[in-house]
Amino acid sequence: MNDSSQKYYIVKKPEKNCEILSSTQVEQKKDPNIIETWGPFNTVEEAIARRVGLIRAGKCQPQ
């Protein structure tokens, strides 16, 4: 079920919110508003844990 080649990224938008997107979503969006990107992460759980760390470090705002 889980595609092992799928990776996850944390992207930061101008509103300072950080979203978790799959690699396919990142490729499809090509969003010029993305300020910063972290990743790739192997699992969505790893990306969530990293986003919590970024929020605690003040790099991202909680949604």
N, C-alpha and C. Protein backbone atom coordinates (compact mmCIF):
# COMPACT_ATOMS: atom_id res chain seq x y z
N MET A 1 0.84 -1.20 0.00
CA MET A 1 0.00 0.00 0.00
C MET A 1 0.88 1.26 0.00
N ASN A 2 1.84 1.33 0.92
CA ASN A 2 2.70 2.51 1.00
C ASN A 2 3.82 2.39 -0.03
N ASP A 3 3.89 3.34 -0.93
CA ASP A 3 4.92 3.34 -1.96
C ASP A 3 6.25 3.70 -1.31
N SER A 4 7.19 2.77 -1.32
CA SER A 4 8.45 3.00 -0.63
C SER A 4 9.28 4.11 -1.26
N SER A 5 8.99 4.47 -2.51
CA SER A 5 9.73 5.56 -3.15
C SER A 5 9.15 6.93 -2.81
N GLN A 6 7.99 6.94 -2.15
CA GLN A 6 7.35 8.21 -1.78
C GLN A 6 8.13 8.85 -0.64
N LYS A 7 8.44 10.13 -0.79
CA LYS A 7 9.12 10.88 0.25
C LYS A 7 8.21 12.03 0.66
N TYR A 8 8.52 12.61 1.80
CA TYR A 8 7.71 13.71 2.32
C TYR A 8 8.59 14.91 2.61
N TYR A 9 8.05 16.08 2.38
CA TYR A 9 8.77 17.33 2.59
C TYR A 9 7.95 18.25 3.48
N ILE A 10 8.64 19.09 4.23
CA ILE A 10 7.99 20.16 4.97
C ILE A 10 8.27 21.43 4.18
N VAL A 11 7.23 22.15 3.84
CA VAL A 11 7.40 23.40 3.10
C VAL A 11 6.85 24.56 3.91
N LYS A 12 7.57 25.68 3.87
CA LYS A 12 7.17 26.87 4.60
C LYS A 12 6.63 27.89 3.61
N LYS A 13 5.46 28.43 3.94
CA LYS A 13 4.79 29.43 3.10
C LYS A 13 4.97 30.82 3.72
N PRO A 14 4.63 31.88 2.98
CA PRO A 14 4.79 33.24 3.51
C PRO A 14 4.03 33.49 4.82
N GLU A 15 2.92 32.75 5.05
CA GLU A 15 2.15 32.91 6.29
C GLU A 15 2.88 32.29 7.48
N LYS A 16 4.05 31.71 7.23
CA LYS A 16 4.90 31.06 8.24
C LYS A 16 4.36 29.70 8.66
N ASN A 17 3.28 29.22 8.04
CA ASN A 17 2.79 27.88 8.32
C ASN A 17 3.64 26.88 7.56
N CYS A 18 3.85 25.73 8.15
CA CYS A 18 4.59 24.67 7.49
C CYS A 18 3.65 23.52 7.19
N GLU A 19 3.64 23.11 5.95
CA GLU A 19 2.80 22.00 5.51
C GLU A 19 3.67 20.81 5.21
N ILE A 20 3.09 19.62 5.38
CA ILE A 20 3.77 18.39 4.98
C ILE A 20 3.17 17.96 3.65
N LEU A 21 4.02 17.83 2.64
CA LEU A 21 3.57 17.42 1.32
C LEU A 21 4.37 16.21 0.87
N SER A 22 3.72 15.36 0.08
CA SER A 22 4.45 14.24 -0.51
C SER A 22 5.30 14.77 -1.66
N SER A 23 6.28 13.99 -2.06
CA SER A 23 7.15 14.43 -3.16
C SER A 23 6.35 14.68 -4.43
N THR A 24 5.30 13.89 -4.66
CA THR A 24 4.49 14.11 -5.87
C THR A 24 3.72 15.43 -5.77
N GLN A 25 3.25 15.78 -4.57
CA GLN A 25 2.55 17.06 -4.40
C GLN A 25 3.52 18.23 -4.61
N VAL A 26 4.73 18.09 -4.11
CA VAL A 26 5.73 19.15 -4.28
C VAL A 26 6.03 19.33 -5.76
N GLU A 27 6.20 18.23 -6.49
CA GLU A 27 6.49 18.30 -7.93
C GLU A 27 5.32 18.90 -8.70
N GLN A 28 4.09 18.56 -8.32
CA GLN A 28 2.91 19.06 -9.03
C GLN A 28 2.69 20.54 -8.77
N LYS A 29 2.93 20.98 -7.53
CA LYS A 29 2.62 22.36 -7.18
C LYS A 29 3.60 23.37 -7.77
N LYS A 30 4.91 23.08 -7.68
CA LYS A 30 5.93 24.04 -8.12
C LYS A 30 5.56 25.45 -7.65
N ASP A 31 5.22 25.55 -6.38
CA ASP A 31 4.67 26.78 -5.80
C ASP A 31 5.76 27.83 -5.62
N PRO A 32 5.63 29.00 -6.24
CA PRO A 32 6.64 30.05 -6.08
C PRO A 32 6.60 30.68 -4.68
N ASN A 33 5.52 30.43 -3.92
CA ASN A 33 5.39 31.00 -2.57
C ASN A 33 6.11 30.20 -1.50
N ILE A 34 6.71 29.08 -1.87
CA ILE A 34 7.42 28.28 -0.88
C ILE A 34 8.73 28.99 -0.53
N ILE A 35 8.87 29.32 0.76
CA ILE A 35 10.04 30.05 1.24
C ILE A 35 11.19 29.10 1.55
N GLU A 36 10.85 28.00 2.23
CA GLU A 36 11.87 27.07 2.69
C GLU A 36 11.33 25.66 2.59
N THR A 37 12.21 24.70 2.36
CA THR A 37 11.81 23.30 2.26
C THR A 37 12.76 22.46 3.09
N TRP A 38 12.21 21.51 3.85
CA TRP A 38 13.01 20.55 4.59
C TRP A 38 12.63 19.15 4.12
N GLY A 39 13.60 18.29 4.04
CA GLY A 39 13.32 16.92 3.62
C GLY A 39 14.35 16.48 2.61
N PRO A 40 14.17 15.34 2.01
CA PRO A 40 13.01 14.45 2.13
C PRO A 40 13.06 13.58 3.38
N PHE A 41 11.87 13.21 3.86
CA PHE A 41 11.71 12.29 4.97
C PHE A 41 11.07 11.02 4.43
N ASN A 42 11.42 9.89 5.02
CA ASN A 42 10.94 8.60 4.52
C ASN A 42 9.50 8.30 4.88
N THR A 43 9.02 8.84 6.02
CA THR A 43 7.65 8.58 6.43
C THR A 43 6.98 9.89 6.82
N VAL A 44 5.65 9.88 6.76
CA VAL A 44 4.91 11.08 7.17
C VAL A 44 5.09 11.31 8.67
N GLU A 45 5.24 10.23 9.44
CA GLU A 45 5.46 10.37 10.88
C GLU A 45 6.76 11.11 11.18
N GLU A 46 7.80 10.78 10.42
CA GLU A 46 9.09 11.45 10.59
C GLU A 46 8.96 12.94 10.25
N ALA A 47 8.21 13.24 9.19
CA ALA A 47 7.99 14.63 8.79
C ALA A 47 7.20 15.39 9.86
N ILE A 48 6.19 14.74 10.45
CA ILE A 48 5.40 15.38 11.52
C ILE A 48 6.31 15.69 12.72
N ALA A 49 7.12 14.72 13.10
CA ALA A 49 8.03 14.92 14.24
C ALA A 49 8.99 16.07 13.96
N ARG A 50 9.49 16.15 12.75
CA ARG A 50 10.42 17.22 12.39
C ARG A 50 9.71 18.57 12.38
N ARG A 51 8.45 18.59 11.92
CA ARG A 51 7.69 19.85 11.92
C ARG A 51 7.47 20.34 13.34
N VAL A 52 7.19 19.43 14.27
CA VAL A 52 7.04 19.82 15.68
C VAL A 52 8.33 20.49 16.17
N GLY A 53 9.47 19.92 15.79
CA GLY A 53 10.75 20.51 16.16
C GLY A 53 10.94 21.89 15.56
N LEU A 54 10.50 22.07 14.32
CA LEU A 54 10.61 23.39 13.66
C LEU A 54 9.70 24.41 14.33
N ILE A 55 8.52 23.97 14.76
CA ILE A 55 7.60 24.88 15.47
C ILE A 55 8.23 25.29 16.80
N ARG A 56 8.79 24.32 17.52
CA ARG A 56 9.43 24.62 18.81
C ARG A 56 10.64 25.53 18.64
N ALA A 57 11.33 25.40 17.51
CA ALA A 57 12.50 26.23 17.25
C ALA A 57 12.12 27.62 16.73
N GLY A 58 10.81 27.83 16.50
CA GLY A 58 10.36 29.14 16.04
C GLY A 58 10.48 29.33 14.53
N LYS A 59 10.77 28.26 13.78
CA LYS A 59 10.90 28.37 12.32
C LYS A 59 9.54 28.33 11.64
N CYS A 60 8.56 27.69 12.28
CA CYS A 60 7.22 27.55 11.71
C CYS A 60 6.17 27.95 12.75
N GLN A 61 5.03 28.38 12.26
CA GLN A 61 3.89 28.66 13.13
C GLN A 61 3.00 27.43 13.16
N PRO A 62 2.42 27.09 14.31
CA PRO A 62 1.46 25.98 14.32
C PRO A 62 0.23 26.35 13.49
N GLN A 63 -0.37 25.35 12.87
CA GLN A 63 -1.52 25.64 11.99
C GLN A 63 -2.80 25.76 12.77
